[in-house]
Amino acid sequence: MAQDAGYSTETVIVTALLVIMGIAVIGIIVGKVTAKASGIDLG
């Protein structure tokens, strides 16, 4: 039983880290796209 609990905890931690990294990557992309868009001169 202890192995099952450890595996579940490890899985939760790895999944949480992947989610956090995904959110960080999306934030970086959104920031770059926003900066690029604000640099476009429509005048």
N, C-alpha and C. Protein backbone atom coordinates (compact mmCIF):
# COMPACT_ATOMS: atom_id res chain seq x y z
N MET A 1 0.82 -1.20 0.00
CA MET A 1 0.00 0.00 0.00
C MET A 1 0.86 1.26 0.00
N ALA A 2 1.96 1.23 0.70
CA ALA A 2 2.82 2.40 0.77
C ALA A 2 3.35 2.78 -0.61
N GLN A 3 3.61 1.78 -1.44
CA GLN A 3 4.12 2.07 -2.78
C GLN A 3 3.05 2.76 -3.62
N ASP A 4 1.82 2.34 -3.48
CA ASP A 4 0.74 2.99 -4.23
C ASP A 4 0.62 4.45 -3.84
N ALA A 5 0.69 4.72 -2.55
CA ALA A 5 0.57 6.09 -2.07
C ALA A 5 1.76 6.92 -2.57
N GLY A 6 2.94 6.36 -2.54
CA GLY A 6 4.12 7.08 -3.02
C GLY A 6 4.04 7.37 -4.49
N TYR A 7 3.56 6.40 -5.26
CA TYR A 7 3.42 6.58 -6.70
C TYR A 7 2.41 7.68 -6.99
N SER A 8 1.31 7.68 -6.27
CA SER A 8 0.29 8.70 -6.48
C SER A 8 0.84 10.09 -6.17
N THR A 9 1.57 10.20 -5.07
CA THR A 9 2.15 11.49 -4.69
C THR A 9 3.14 11.96 -5.75
N GLU A 10 3.98 11.04 -6.22
CA GLU A 10 4.95 11.39 -7.25
C GLU A 10 4.25 11.84 -8.53
N THR A 11 3.20 11.13 -8.89
CA THR A 11 2.45 11.49 -10.09
C THR A 11 1.83 12.87 -9.96
N VAL A 12 1.27 13.16 -8.80
CA VAL A 12 0.66 14.47 -8.57
C VAL A 12 1.72 15.57 -8.66
N ILE A 13 2.88 15.35 -8.09
CA ILE A 13 3.94 16.36 -8.11
C ILE A 13 4.43 16.60 -9.53
N VAL A 14 4.67 15.53 -10.28
CA VAL A 14 5.14 15.68 -11.66
C VAL A 14 4.08 16.38 -12.51
N THR A 15 2.83 16.01 -12.33
CA THR A 15 1.75 16.65 -13.08
C THR A 15 1.66 18.13 -12.75
N ALA A 16 1.77 18.47 -11.46
CA ALA A 16 1.72 19.87 -11.05
C ALA A 16 2.88 20.65 -11.67
N LEU A 17 4.07 20.07 -11.69
CA LEU A 17 5.22 20.75 -12.29
C LEU A 17 5.01 20.98 -13.78
N LEU A 18 4.47 19.98 -14.47
CA LEU A 18 4.19 20.14 -15.90
C LEU A 18 3.17 21.24 -16.15
N VAL A 19 2.15 21.31 -15.32
CA VAL A 19 1.13 22.35 -15.46
C VAL A 19 1.75 23.72 -15.24
N ILE A 20 2.58 23.84 -14.20
CA ILE A 20 3.22 25.13 -13.91
C ILE A 20 4.13 25.55 -15.07
N MET A 21 4.89 24.60 -15.61
CA MET A 21 5.76 24.94 -16.75
C MET A 21 4.94 25.34 -17.96
N GLY A 22 3.83 24.66 -18.18
CA GLY A 22 2.96 25.01 -19.30
C GLY A 22 2.39 26.41 -19.16
N ILE A 23 1.95 26.76 -17.96
CA ILE A 23 1.43 28.10 -17.71
C ILE A 23 2.52 29.15 -17.93
N ALA A 24 3.74 28.85 -17.48
CA ALA A 24 4.85 29.78 -17.67
C ALA A 24 5.14 29.99 -19.15
N VAL A 25 5.15 28.91 -19.92
CA VAL A 25 5.41 29.03 -21.36
C VAL A 25 4.31 29.84 -22.04
N ILE A 26 3.06 29.59 -21.68
CA ILE A 26 1.95 30.36 -22.26
C ILE A 26 2.09 31.83 -21.90
N GLY A 27 2.48 32.12 -20.66
CA GLY A 27 2.68 33.51 -20.25
C GLY A 27 3.77 34.19 -21.05
N ILE A 28 4.86 33.48 -21.30
CA ILE A 28 5.96 34.05 -22.08
C ILE A 28 5.51 34.33 -23.51
N ILE A 29 4.79 33.37 -24.11
CA ILE A 29 4.31 33.55 -25.49
C ILE A 29 3.34 34.73 -25.57
N VAL A 30 2.42 34.82 -24.62
CA VAL A 30 1.46 35.92 -24.62
C VAL A 30 2.19 37.26 -24.48
N GLY A 31 3.19 37.30 -23.62
CA GLY A 31 3.96 38.52 -23.45
C GLY A 31 4.68 38.93 -24.72
N LYS A 32 5.29 37.98 -25.41
CA LYS A 32 5.99 38.28 -26.66
C LYS A 32 5.02 38.73 -27.74
N VAL A 33 3.88 38.06 -27.86
CA VAL A 33 2.89 38.44 -28.87
C VAL A 33 2.34 39.83 -28.57
N THR A 34 2.07 40.12 -27.31
CA THR A 34 1.55 41.43 -26.93
C THR A 34 2.58 42.52 -27.24
N ALA A 35 3.84 42.27 -26.93
CA ALA A 35 4.89 43.26 -27.21
C ALA A 35 5.01 43.48 -28.72
N LYS A 36 4.94 42.41 -29.48
CA LYS A 36 5.04 42.51 -30.93
C LYS A 36 3.85 43.29 -31.47
N ALA A 37 2.66 43.01 -30.97
CA ALA A 37 1.45 43.68 -31.45
C ALA A 37 1.46 45.16 -31.09
N SER A 38 1.96 45.49 -29.92
CA SER A 38 1.97 46.91 -29.53
C SER A 38 3.03 47.68 -30.31
N GLY A 39 3.98 46.98 -30.93
CA GLY A 39 5.00 47.65 -31.73
C GLY A 39 4.57 47.92 -33.15
N ILE A 40 3.39 47.42 -33.55
CA ILE A 40 2.90 47.65 -34.91
C ILE A 40 2.33 49.07 -35.01
N ASP A 41 2.80 49.79 -36.03
CA ASP A 41 2.32 51.16 -36.24
C ASP A 41 1.21 51.14 -37.27
N LEU A 42 0.01 51.47 -36.81
CA LEU A 42 -1.15 51.46 -37.70
C LEU A 42 -1.38 52.83 -38.35
N GLY A 43 -0.61 53.83 -37.96
CA GLY A 43 -0.79 55.18 -38.50
C GLY A 43 -0.02 55.33 -39.75
